C-alpha atoms as a PDB file:
ATOM      1  CA  UNK A   1      10.828 153.003 179.333  1.00  0.00           C
ATOM      2  CA  UNK A   2      10.187 155.303 176.425  1.00  0.00           C
ATOM      3  CA  UNK A   3       6.732 155.921 175.067  1.00  0.00           C
ATOM      4  CA  UNK A   4       5.003 158.091 172.524  1.00  0.00           C
ATOM      5  CA  UNK A   5       5.526 161.074 174.783  1.00  0.00           C
ATOM      6  CA  UNK A   6       9.210 160.409 175.242  1.00  0.00           C
ATOM      7  CA  UNK A   7      10.777 160.291 171.790  1.00  0.00           C
ATOM      8  CA  UNK A   8      12.289 162.907 169.571  1.00  0.00           C
ATOM      9  CA  UNK A   9      13.779 162.793 166.126  1.00  0.00           C
ATOM     10  CA  UNK A  10      17.383 162.292 165.214  1.00  0.00           C
ATOM     11  CA  UNK A  11      19.404 165.150 163.810  1.00  0.00           C
ATOM     12  CA  UNK A  12      17.150 168.094 162.922  1.00  0.00           C
ATOM     13  CA  UNK A  13      14.092 165.883 162.677  1.00  0.00           C
ATOM     14  CA  UNK A  14      11.940 168.030 164.952  1.00  0.00           C
ATOM     15  CA  UNK A  15      13.165 171.534 164.488  1.00  0.00           C
ATOM     16  CA  UNK A  16      13.529 171.830 160.730  1.00  0.00           C
ATOM     17  CA  UNK A  17      12.473 170.304 157.437  1.00  0.00           C
ATOM     18  CA  UNK A  18      13.014 166.746 156.242  1.00  0.00           C
ATOM     19  CA  UNK A  19      16.328 165.323 157.390  1.00  0.00           C
ATOM     20  CA  UNK A  20      18.699 163.714 154.923  1.00  0.00           C
ATOM     21  CA  UNK A  21      20.859 161.726 157.280  1.00  0.00           C
ATOM     22  CA  UNK A  22      22.467 158.500 156.144  1.00  0.00           C
ATOM     23  CA  UNK A  23      23.675 155.295 157.756  1.00  0.00           C
ATOM     24  CA  UNK A  24      27.087 156.906 158.142  1.00  0.00           C
ATOM     25  CA  UNK A  25      25.624 159.221 160.789  1.00  0.00           C
ATOM     26  CA  UNK A  26      24.319 156.377 162.957  1.00  0.00           C
ATOM     27  CA  UNK A  27      27.525 155.632 164.962  1.00  0.00           C
ATOM     28  CA  UNK A  28      27.454 159.168 166.427  1.00  0.00           C
ATOM     29  CA  UNK A  29      24.267 158.320 168.322  1.00  0.00           C
ATOM     30  CA  UNK A  30      24.214 155.807 171.183  1.00  0.00           C
ATOM     31  CA  UNK A  31      22.031 152.707 170.736  1.00  0.00           C
ATOM     32  CA  UNK A  32      18.587 153.056 172.289  1.00  0.00           C
ATOM     33  CA  UNK A  33      15.099 151.607 171.973  1.00  0.00           C
ATOM     34  CA  UNK A  34      13.968 154.013 169.270  1.00  0.00           C
ATOM     35  CA  UNK A  35      15.003 154.176 165.631  1.00  0.00           C
ATOM     36  CA  UNK A  36      14.522 157.242 163.459  1.00  0.00           C
ATOM     37  CA  UNK A  37      13.617 156.670 159.799  1.00  0.00           C
ATOM     38  CA  UNK A  38      13.620 159.186 156.976  1.00  0.00           C
ATOM     39  CA  UNK A  39      13.475 159.242 153.181  1.00  0.00           C
ATOM     40  CA  UNK A  40       9.974 157.765 153.433  1.00  0.00           C
ATOM     41  CA  UNK A  41       7.468 158.155 150.625  1.00  0.00           C
ATOM     42  CA  UNK A  42       5.573 161.363 151.454  1.00  0.00           C
ATOM     43  CA  UNK A  43       2.560 160.380 149.329  1.00  0.00           C
ATOM     44  CA  UNK A  44       1.547 157.579 151.702  1.00  0.00           C
ATOM     45  CA  UNK A  45      -1.243 158.453 154.166  1.00  0.00           C
ATOM     46  CA  UNK A  46      -0.145 158.592 157.794  1.00  0.00           C
ATOM     47  CA  UNK A  47      -2.415 155.778 159.014  1.00  0.00           C
ATOM     48  CA  UNK A  48      -1.289 153.416 156.267  1.00  0.00           C
ATOM     49  CA  UNK A  49       2.349 154.404 156.808  1.00  0.00           C
ATOM     50  CA  UNK A  50       2.197 153.614 160.532  1.00  0.00           C
ATOM     51  CA  UNK A  51       0.463 150.269 159.991  1.00  0.00           C
ATOM     52  CA  UNK A  52       2.961 149.271 157.311  1.00  0.00           C
ATOM     53  CA  UNK A  53       5.948 150.260 159.446  1.00  0.00           C
ATOM     54  CA  UNK A  54       4.525 148.260 162.332  1.00  0.00           C
ATOM     55  CA  UNK A  55       4.034 145.228 160.072  1.00  0.00           C
ATOM     56  CA  UNK A  56       7.569 145.367 158.682  1.00  0.00           C
ATOM     57  CA  UNK A  57       9.439 146.103 161.926  1.00  0.00           C
ATOM     58  CA  UNK A  58       7.511 143.919 164.384  1.00  0.00           C
ATOM     59  CA  UNK A  59       9.506 140.905 163.143  1.00  0.00           C
ATOM     60  CA  UNK A  60      12.442 142.225 165.190  1.00  0.00           C
ATOM     61  CA  UNK A  61      10.670 142.519 168.546  1.00  0.00           C
ATOM     62  CA  UNK A  62       7.769 144.056 170.422  1.00  0.00           C
ATOM     63  CA  UNK A  63       6.902 147.567 169.241  1.00  0.00           C
ATOM     64  CA  UNK A  64       5.596 150.023 171.811  1.00  0.00           C
ATOM     65  CA  UNK A  65       4.613 152.713 169.321  1.00  0.00           C
ATOM     66  CA  UNK A  66       5.116 154.059 165.801  1.00  0.00           C
ATOM     67  CA  UNK A  67       5.168 157.832 165.435  1.00  0.00           C
ATOM     68  CA  UNK A  68       4.574 159.760 162.225  1.00  0.00           C
ATOM     69  CA  UNK A  69       3.039 163.205 161.798  1.00  0.00           C
ATOM     70  CA  UNK A  70       1.142 165.099 159.126  1.00  0.00           C
ATOM     71  CA  UNK A  71       2.992 168.383 159.649  1.00  0.00           C
ATOM     72  CA  UNK A  72       5.249 169.665 156.864  1.00  0.00           C
ATOM     73  CA  UNK A  73       8.285 169.567 159.188  1.00  0.00           C
ATOM     74  CA  UNK A  74       7.885 165.824 159.702  1.00  0.00           C
ATOM     75  CA  UNK A  75       7.036 164.634 156.197  1.00  0.00           C
ATOM     76  CA  UNK A  76       8.945 161.562 155.128  1.00  0.00           C
ATOM     77  CA  UNK A  77       9.967 160.738 158.702  1.00  0.00           C
ATOM     78  CA  UNK A  78       8.907 158.283 161.403  1.00  0.00           C
ATOM     79  CA  UNK A  79      10.015 156.865 164.737  1.00  0.00           C
ATOM     80  CA  UNK A  80       9.646 153.204 165.742  1.00  0.00           C
ATOM     81  CA  UNK A  81       9.861 152.549 169.490  1.00  0.00           C
ATOM     82  CA  UNK A  82      10.844 149.027 170.522  1.00  0.00           C
ATOM     83  CA  UNK A  83      10.594 147.430 173.941  1.00  0.00           C
ATOM     84  CA  UNK A  84      14.349 146.832 174.093  1.00  0.00           C
ATOM     85  CA  UNK A  85      17.588 148.096 172.554  1.00  0.00           C
ATOM     86  CA  UNK A  86      18.569 144.785 170.952  1.00  0.00           C
ATOM     87  CA  UNK A  87      15.396 144.754 168.831  1.00  0.00           C
ATOM     88  CA  UNK A  88      16.019 148.326 167.688  1.00  0.00           C
ATOM     89  CA  UNK A  89      19.635 147.498 166.817  1.00  0.00           C
ATOM     90  CA  UNK A  90      18.662 144.432 164.801  1.00  0.00           C
ATOM     91  CA  UNK A  91      15.996 146.407 162.933  1.00  0.00           C
ATOM     92  CA  UNK A  92      18.466 149.181 162.104  1.00  0.00           C
ATOM     93  CA  UNK A  93      21.034 146.710 160.809  1.00  0.00           C
ATOM     94  CA  UNK A  94      18.657 144.535 158.807  1.00  0.00           C
ATOM     95  CA  UNK A  95      16.379 147.198 157.316  1.00  0.00           C
ATOM     96  CA  UNK A  96      18.896 149.878 156.370  1.00  0.00           C
ATOM     97  CA  UNK A  97      18.185 150.740 152.723  1.00  0.00           C
ATOM     98  CA  UNK A  98      15.112 148.468 152.548  1.00  0.00           C
ATOM     99  CA  UNK A  99      12.873 149.574 149.612  1.00  0.00           C
ATOM    100  CA  UNK A 100       9.791 150.779 151.461  1.00  0.00           C
ATOM    101  CA  UNK A 101       7.074 152.036 149.090  1.00  0.00           C
ATOM    102  CA  UNK A 102       9.732 152.276 146.362  1.00  0.00           C
ATOM    103  CA  UNK A 103      12.156 154.407 148.422  1.00  0.00           C
ATOM    104  CA  UNK A 104      15.167 153.074 150.390  1.00  0.00           C
ATOM    105  CA  UNK A 105      14.782 153.740 154.099  1.00  0.00           C
ATOM    106  CA  UNK A 106      17.504 155.623 155.967  1.00  0.00           C
ATOM    107  CA  UNK A 107      17.649 154.529 159.585  1.00  0.00           C
ATOM    108  CA  UNK A 108      19.574 155.609 162.669  1.00  0.00           C
ATOM    109  CA  UNK A 109      19.067 155.678 166.412  1.00  0.00           C
ATOM    110  CA  UNK A 110      16.844 158.517 167.591  1.00  0.00           C
ATOM    111  CA  UNK A 111      17.752 161.162 170.091  1.00  0.00           C
ATOM    112  CA  UNK A 112      15.546 161.153 173.172  1.00  0.00           C
ATOM    113  CA  UNK A 113      14.337 164.686 173.812  1.00  0.00           C
ATOM    114  CA  UNK A 114      10.805 163.863 174.840  1.00  0.00           C
ATOM    115  CA  UNK A 115       9.292 167.313 175.204  1.00  0.00           C
ATOM    116  CA  UNK A 116      10.293 168.411 171.711  1.00  0.00           C
ATOM    117  CA  UNK A 117       8.402 165.654 169.956  1.00  0.00           C
ATOM    118  CA  UNK A 118       5.450 165.962 172.320  1.00  0.00           C
ATOM    119  CA  UNK A 119       5.182 169.687 171.564  1.00  0.00           C
ATOM    120  CA  UNK A 120       5.540 168.977 167.852  1.00  0.00           C
ATOM    121  CA  UNK A 121       2.565 166.626 167.751  1.00  0.00           C
ATOM    122  CA  UNK A 122       0.464 168.600 170.231  1.00  0.00           C
ATOM    123  CA  UNK A 123       0.515 165.984 173.000  1.00  0.00           C
ATOM    124  CA  UNK A 124       2.924 167.737 175.377  1.00  0.00           C
ATOM    125  CA  UNK A 125       1.877 167.537 179.021  1.00  0.00           C
ATOM    126  CA  UNK A 126       3.972 168.915 181.915  1.00  0.00           C
ATOM    127  CA  UNK A 127       5.626 166.051 183.741  1.00  0.00           C
ATOM    128  CA  UNK A 128       3.519 166.242 186.916  1.00  0.00           C
ATOM    129  CA  UNK A 129       0.248 166.349 184.965  1.00  0.00           C
ATOM    130  CA  UNK A 130       1.507 163.585 182.704  1.00  0.00           C
ATOM    131  CA  UNK A 131       2.174 161.323 185.690  1.00  0.00           C
ATOM    132  CA  UNK A 132      -1.351 161.863 187.029  1.00  0.00           C
ATOM    133  CA  UNK A 133      -2.819 161.281 183.564  1.00  0.00           C
ATOM    134  CA  UNK A 134      -0.897 157.992 183.210  1.00  0.00           C
ATOM    135  CA  UNK A 135      -2.054 156.864 186.648  1.00  0.00           C
ATOM    136  CA  UNK A 136      -5.696 157.557 185.720  1.00  0.00           C
ATOM    137  CA  UNK A 137      -5.261 155.682 182.428  1.00  0.00           C
ATOM    138  CA  UNK A 138      -3.741 152.681 184.212  1.00  0.00           C
ATOM    139  CA  UNK A 139      -6.602 152.660 186.726  1.00  0.00           C
ATOM    140  CA  UNK A 140      -9.187 152.704 183.915  1.00  0.00           C
ATOM    141  CA  UNK A 141      -7.412 149.824 182.161  1.00  0.00           C
ATOM    142  CA  UNK A 142      -7.463 147.740 185.335  1.00  0.00           C
ATOM    143  CA  UNK A 143     -11.157 148.484 185.895  1.00  0.00           C
ATOM    144  CA  UNK A 144     -11.971 147.628 182.275  1.00  0.00           C
ATOM    145  CA  UNK A 145     -10.035 144.363 182.539  1.00  0.00           C
ATOM    146  CA  UNK A 146     -11.857 143.529 185.775  1.00  0.00           C
ATOM    147  CA  UNK A 147     -15.260 144.198 184.175  1.00  0.00           C
ATOM    148  CA  UNK A 148     -14.432 142.001 181.189  1.00  0.00           C
ATOM    149  CA  UNK A 149     -13.412 139.120 183.419  1.00  0.00           C
ATOM    150  CA  UNK A 150     -16.786 139.171 185.133  1.00  0.00           C
ATOM    151  CA  UNK A 151     -18.971 139.839 182.127  1.00  0.00           C
ATOM    152  CA  UNK A 152     -17.718 137.135 179.809  1.00  0.00           C
ATOM    153  CA  UNK A 153     -15.601 139.623 177.850  1.00  0.00           C
ATOM    154  CA  UNK A 154     -12.736 138.584 175.620  1.00  0.00           C
ATOM    155  CA  UNK A 155     -12.555 136.345 172.604  1.00  0.00           C
ATOM    156  CA  UNK A 156     -13.720 132.774 172.694  1.00  0.00           C
ATOM    157  CA  UNK A 157     -11.131 130.073 172.200  1.00  0.00           C
ATOM    158  CA  UNK A 158     -12.873 129.197 168.961  1.00  0.00           C
ATOM    159  CA  UNK A 159     -12.259 132.644 167.441  1.00  0.00           C
ATOM    160  CA  UNK A 160      -8.898 131.785 165.943  1.00  0.00           C
ATOM    161  CA  UNK A 161      -7.809 131.866 162.323  1.00  0.00           C
ATOM    162  CA  UNK A 162     -10.233 132.535 159.526  1.00  0.00           C
ATOM    163  CA  UNK A 163     -12.497 129.537 159.124  1.00  0.00           C
ATOM    164  CA  UNK A 164     -11.280 127.888 162.352  1.00  0.00           C
ATOM    165  CA  UNK A 165     -13.333 124.825 163.322  1.00  0.00           C
ATOM    166  CA  UNK A 166     -15.036 124.765 166.764  1.00  0.00           C
ATOM    167  CA  UNK A 167     -14.067 122.024 169.246  1.00  0.00           C
ATOM    168  CA  UNK A 168     -15.612 118.625 168.495  1.00  0.00           C
ATOM    169  CA  UNK A 169     -17.744 118.892 171.624  1.00  0.00           C
ATOM    170  CA  UNK A 170     -19.582 121.839 170.043  1.00  0.00           C
ATOM    171  CA  UNK A 171     -20.254 120.181 166.695  1.00  0.00           C
ATOM    172  CA  UNK A 172     -23.570 118.431 165.967  1.00  0.00           C
ATOM    173  CA  UNK A 173     -23.417 114.653 166.038  1.00  0.00           C
ATOM    174  CA  UNK A 174     -22.232 113.177 162.771  1.00  0.00           C
ATOM    175  CA  UNK A 175     -20.423 116.377 161.665  1.00  0.00           C
ATOM    176  CA  UNK A 176     -16.981 115.676 163.143  1.00  0.00           C
ATOM    177  CA  UNK A 177     -14.411 114.876 160.466  1.00  0.00           C
ATOM    178  CA  UNK A 178     -10.778 113.943 160.467  1.00  0.00           C
ATOM    179  CA  UNK A 179      -8.496 116.881 159.592  1.00  0.00           C
ATOM    180  CA  UNK A 180      -7.554 117.076 155.939  1.00  0.00           C
ATOM    181  CA  UNK A 181      -4.011 116.227 154.926  1.00  0.00           C
ATOM    182  CA  UNK A 182      -1.814 119.302 154.401  1.00  0.00           C
ATOM    183  CA  UNK A 183      -1.112 120.390 150.846  1.00  0.00           C
ATOM    184  CA  UNK A 184       2.170 119.124 149.342  1.00  0.00           C
ATOM    185  CA  UNK A 185       5.034 121.624 148.951  1.00  0.00           C
ATOM    186  CA  UNK A 186       4.514 124.031 146.065  1.00  0.00           C
ATOM    187  CA  UNK A 187       5.337 127.593 145.063  1.00  0.00           C
ATOM    188  CA  UNK A 188       2.165 129.210 146.488  1.00  0.00           C
ATOM    189  CA  UNK A 189       1.612 129.899 150.184  1.00  0.00           C
ATOM    190  CA  UNK A 190      -1.743 130.188 151.953  1.00  0.00           C
ATOM    191  CA  UNK A 191      -1.739 132.811 154.705  1.00  0.00           C
ATOM    192  CA  UNK A 192      -4.461 132.889 157.391  1.00  0.00           C
ATOM    193  CA  UNK A 193      -5.374 134.832 160.549  1.00  0.00           C
ATOM    194  CA  UNK A 194      -4.593 138.241 159.095  1.00  0.00           C
ATOM    195  CA  UNK A 195      -6.045 141.291 160.868  1.00  0.00           C
ATOM    196  CA  UNK A 196      -8.791 143.102 158.976  1.00  0.00           C
ATOM    197  CA  UNK A 197      -6.594 146.162 158.343  1.00  0.00           C
ATOM    198  CA  UNK A 198      -4.005 144.132 156.406  1.00  0.00           C
ATOM    199  CA  UNK A 199      -3.354 145.430 152.882  1.00  0.00           C
ATOM    200  CA  UNK A 200      -1.634 143.734 149.914  1.00  0.00           C
ATOM    201  CA  UNK A 201       1.192 146.277 150.204  1.00  0.00           C
ATOM    202  CA  UNK A 202       1.811 145.365 153.852  1.00  0.00           C
ATOM    203  CA  UNK A 203       2.061 141.680 152.957  1.00  0.00           C
ATOM    204  CA  UNK A 204       4.205 142.417 149.929  1.00  0.00           C
ATOM    205  CA  UNK A 205       6.744 144.260 152.070  1.00  0.00           C
ATOM    206  CA  UNK A 206       6.927 141.301 154.441  1.00  0.00           C
ATOM    207  CA  UNK A 207       7.184 138.524 151.869  1.00  0.00           C
ATOM    208  CA  UNK A 208       9.378 140.318 149.319  1.00  0.00           C
ATOM    209  CA  UNK A 209      12.273 140.044 151.780  1.00  0.00           C
ATOM    210  CA  UNK A 210      12.616 136.428 150.638  1.00  0.00           C
ATOM    211  CA  UNK A 211      14.090 135.516 147.211  1.00  0.00           C
ATOM    212  CA  UNK A 212      11.755 134.502 144.410  1.00  0.00           C
ATOM    213  CA  UNK A 213       8.762 136.584 145.540  1.00  0.00           C
ATOM    214  CA  UNK A 214       6.243 137.127 142.733  1.00  0.00           C
ATOM    215  CA  UNK A 215       2.946 138.495 144.050  1.00  0.00           C
ATOM    216  CA  UNK A 216       0.332 138.712 146.805  1.00  0.00           C
ATOM    217  CA  UNK A 217      -3.334 137.945 146.137  1.00  0.00           C
ATOM    218  CA  UNK A 218      -6.046 138.785 148.661  1.00  0.00           C
ATOM    219  CA  UNK A 219      -9.717 137.779 148.468  1.00  0.00           C
ATOM    220  CA  UNK A 220     -12.090 140.701 149.130  1.00  0.00           C
ATOM    221  CA  UNK A 221     -14.981 138.436 150.021  1.00  0.00           C
ATOM    222  CA  UNK A 222     -12.881 136.472 152.527  1.00  0.00           C
ATOM    223  CA  UNK A 223     -11.008 138.828 154.854  1.00  0.00           C
ATOM    224  CA  UNK A 224      -8.182 137.367 156.887  1.00  0.00           C
ATOM    225  CA  UNK A 225      -6.583 135.240 154.171  1.00  0.00           C
ATOM    226  CA  UNK A 226      -4.155 135.726 151.290  1.00  0.00           C
ATOM    227  CA  UNK A 227      -2.091 133.799 148.741  1.00  0.00           C
ATOM    228  CA  UNK A 228       1.592 134.549 148.169  1.00  0.00           C
ATOM    229  CA  UNK A 229       3.403 133.173 145.133  1.00  0.00           C
ATOM    230  CA  UNK A 230       7.136 132.463 144.717  1.00  0.00           C
ATOM    231  CA  UNK A 231       9.235 131.212 141.834  1.00  0.00           C
ATOM    232  CA  UNK A 232       9.474 127.653 143.130  1.00  0.00           C
ATOM    233  CA  UNK A 233       8.651 125.513 146.169  1.00  0.00           C
ATOM    234  CA  UNK A 234      12.123 125.875 147.718  1.00  0.00           C
ATOM    235  CA  UNK A 235      11.745 129.662 147.782  1.00  0.00           C
ATOM    236  CA  UNK A 236       8.217 129.472 149.194  1.00  0.00           C
ATOM    237  CA  UNK A 237       9.432 127.048 151.879  1.00  0.00           C
ATOM    238  CA  UNK A 238      12.100 129.489 153.092  1.00  0.00           C
ATOM    239  CA  UNK A 239       9.504 132.282 153.294  1.00  0.00           C
ATOM    240  CA  UNK A 240       7.014 130.028 155.093  1.00  0.00           C
ATOM    241  CA  UNK A 241       9.601 129.027 157.696  1.00  0.00           C
ATOM    242  CA  UNK A 242      10.587 132.660 158.205  1.00  0.00           C
ATOM    243  CA  UNK A 243       7.104 134.138 158.554  1.00  0.00           C
ATOM    244  CA  UNK A 244       4.897 131.410 160.018  1.00  0.00           C
ATOM    245  CA  UNK A 245       3.726 132.751 163.378  1.00  0.00           C
ATOM    246  CA  UNK A 246       4.811 136.322 162.577  1.00  0.00           C
ATOM    247  CA  UNK A 247       2.507 138.769 164.368  1.00  0.00           C
ATOM    248  CA  UNK A 248       1.226 141.678 162.300  1.00  0.00           C
ATOM    249  CA  UNK A 249      -0.626 142.641 165.485  1.00  0.00           C
ATOM    250  CA  UNK A 250      -0.150 141.068 168.941  1.00  0.00           C
ATOM    251  CA  UNK A 251      -3.460 139.201 168.510  1.00  0.00           C
ATOM    252  CA  UNK A 252      -2.805 137.896 164.984  1.00  0.00           C
ATOM    253  CA  UNK A 253       0.046 135.429 164.467  1.00  0.00           C
ATOM    254  CA  UNK A 254       0.082 134.526 160.777  1.00  0.00           C
ATOM    255  CA  UNK A 255      -0.616 130.903 159.896  1.00  0.00           C
ATOM    256  CA  UNK A 256       1.352 130.094 156.754  1.00  0.00           C
ATOM    257  CA  UNK A 257       1.010 126.797 154.859  1.00  0.00           C
ATOM    258  CA  UNK A 258       1.301 125.567 151.300  1.00  0.00           C
ATOM    259  CA  UNK A 259      -1.755 126.390 149.221  1.00  0.00           C
ATOM    260  CA  UNK A 260      -3.927 123.637 147.811  1.00  0.00           C
ATOM    261  CA  UNK A 261      -4.000 123.528 144.037  1.00  0.00           C
END
């Protein structure tokens, strides 16, 4: 399985300047788990770029890593590594030309010359040393997991979406209430359980894929929630059905309902 150490750019993506490949070049490369993207907005900071790419592409399958580098040679380029080829293929087909930060993405399958990309980002490790390093990392993960299991680590079952109510058994007597009726269908969606790093732009790129999108509104004083408005309730319903349960991160499936007015 590929990982961050085992991916290289398509075309001249590693050796030279920004690549200007198009969708027409894609058939020359065999399908694989990694897609290569260029024509990205170079003004976007690397951390924000990677988070936004992860948010947009994770709808197609599990992402193992997103690679983007600050070096001049790699400006405007990124690699998204999926767990399987079918997810990468679906992402390439569906997102080709998608307006990402006001520029249409160009996507093709990446070549897999691992050492080139590792040397480019300064993470190259000879294969024997790399194997030992991975074994040590796996051992540490197992030990950490073991420690957490015996020290009460991990999130409580009550730490769900923003404002989630504890089980009735933990509520003081007389506080338990029947759940409120859901809001009737309308043009505004209420989105909960967002990770703290979510930005309005990340949500906009997810929800603008559906017709009728108008705007995203986030509440600074209440992290983890947002409101998304569409032209009418039919359009908001399609978006809700498409994105309810979508995971911006593995721990944060979005909870999408109609907003109360």
